[in-house]
Amino acid sequence: MEEEDYSSLLRHISTPLDIIETKELSQRISESIRSLPLKERIVFVLQVQHGLSYREIADSVCCPLGTVMSRLDRARRILRDKLKDYIV
């Protein structure tokens, strides 16, 4: 997470335990994204953090649109599995 995103989260937290849990979750999300296979991580970051469309990602990484879609799906499945303890 970017520092400004983290700061905005902290403004809505009321207890020290909330702060610790938020930091832990933030670290876990960052670690999980970094652990993605490179091709999946690239398309995930381009889509989620940079807001690129599927077509823009496909053009950026020089691969078919369907490949971008499957890589994003795979990245989401991996992250969902890694973060299942935090998902309600």
Protein backbone atom coordinates (compact mmCIF):
# COMPACT_ATOMS: atom_id res chain seq x y z
CA MET A 1 0.00 0.00 0.00
CA GLU A 2 1.08 3.53 -0.59
CA GLU A 3 1.76 5.61 2.50
CA GLU A 4 -1.12 8.02 1.79
CA ASP A 5 -3.54 5.07 1.47
CA TYR A 6 -2.32 3.74 4.79
CA SER A 7 -2.71 7.16 6.42
CA SER A 8 -6.31 7.45 5.26
CA LEU A 9 -7.06 4.03 6.76
CA LEU A 10 -5.56 5.04 10.09
CA ARG A 11 -7.89 8.04 10.34
CA HIS A 12 -10.83 5.63 10.54
CA ILE A 13 -9.33 3.33 13.16
CA SER A 14 -10.19 3.77 16.80
CA THR A 15 -8.04 1.47 18.92
CA PRO A 16 -4.38 0.42 19.10
CA LEU A 17 -5.47 -3.14 18.28
CA ASP A 18 -7.19 -1.85 15.12
CA ILE A 19 -3.95 -0.12 14.13
CA ILE A 20 -1.91 -3.30 14.65
CA GLU A 21 -4.43 -5.39 12.70
CA THR A 22 -4.51 -2.87 9.86
CA LYS A 23 -0.70 -2.80 9.65
CA GLU A 24 -0.62 -6.60 9.67
CA LEU A 25 -3.22 -6.81 6.90
CA SER A 26 -1.42 -4.18 4.84
CA GLN A 27 1.85 -6.09 5.14
CA ARG A 28 0.16 -9.38 4.29
CA ILE A 29 -1.46 -7.88 1.17
CA SER A 30 1.84 -6.38 0.03
CA GLU A 31 3.69 -9.65 0.62
CA SER A 32 1.01 -11.61 -1.22
CA ILE A 33 1.16 -9.32 -4.24
CA ARG A 34 4.98 -9.51 -4.29
CA SER A 35 4.79 -13.31 -4.17
CA LEU A 36 2.65 -13.56 -7.30
CA PRO A 37 4.36 -15.03 -10.37
CA LEU A 38 5.88 -12.18 -12.38
CA LYS A 39 3.43 -12.23 -15.32
CA GLU A 40 0.43 -12.28 -13.02
CA ARG A 41 1.90 -9.62 -10.74
CA ILE A 42 2.54 -7.27 -13.66
CA VAL A 43 -1.03 -7.38 -15.00
CA PHE A 44 -2.49 -7.22 -11.48
CA VAL A 45 -0.50 -4.12 -10.55
CA LEU A 46 -1.26 -2.44 -13.88
CA GLN A 47 -4.97 -3.05 -13.43
CA VAL A 48 -5.43 -2.49 -9.69
CA GLN A 49 -2.82 0.09 -8.77
CA HIS A 50 -2.55 1.95 -12.07
CA GLY A 51 -6.16 1.59 -13.24
CA LEU A 52 -5.33 0.44 -16.76
CA SER A 53 -8.04 -1.25 -18.79
CA TYR A 54 -7.59 -4.80 -19.99
CA ARG A 55 -6.89 -3.48 -23.50
CA GLU A 56 -4.28 -1.02 -22.21
CA ILE A 57 -2.58 -3.80 -20.27
CA ALA A 58 -2.61 -6.09 -23.31
CA ASP A 59 -1.00 -3.34 -25.39
CA SER A 60 1.54 -2.57 -22.65
CA VAL A 61 2.73 -6.15 -22.19
CA CYS A 62 2.26 -7.15 -25.86
CA CYS A 63 -0.05 -10.10 -25.31
CA PRO A 64 -3.61 -10.96 -26.31
CA LEU A 65 -6.54 -9.59 -24.32
CA GLY A 66 -7.57 -13.13 -23.30
CA THR A 67 -4.13 -13.73 -21.83
CA VAL A 68 -4.45 -10.59 -19.69
CA MET A 69 -7.86 -11.75 -18.50
CA SER A 70 -6.60 -15.21 -17.57
CA ARG A 71 -3.54 -13.82 -15.78
CA LEU A 72 -5.72 -11.45 -13.77
CA ASP A 73 -8.07 -14.27 -12.89
CA ARG A 74 -5.15 -16.43 -11.78
CA ALA A 75 -3.67 -13.56 -9.72
CA ARG A 76 -7.01 -12.98 -7.99
CA ARG A 77 -7.42 -16.67 -7.21
CA ILE A 78 -3.90 -16.84 -5.76
CA LEU A 79 -4.47 -13.72 -3.65
CA ARG A 80 -7.88 -14.93 -2.49
CA ASP A 81 -6.25 -18.17 -1.31
CA LYS A 82 -3.33 -16.41 0.40
CA LEU A 83 -5.62 -13.91 2.13
CA LYS A 84 -8.51 -16.26 2.96
CA ASP A 85 -8.03 -15.76 6.70
CA TYR A 86 -8.75 -12.04 6.25
CA ILE A 87 -11.75 -12.36 3.94
CA VAL A 88 -15.15 -12.12 5.59
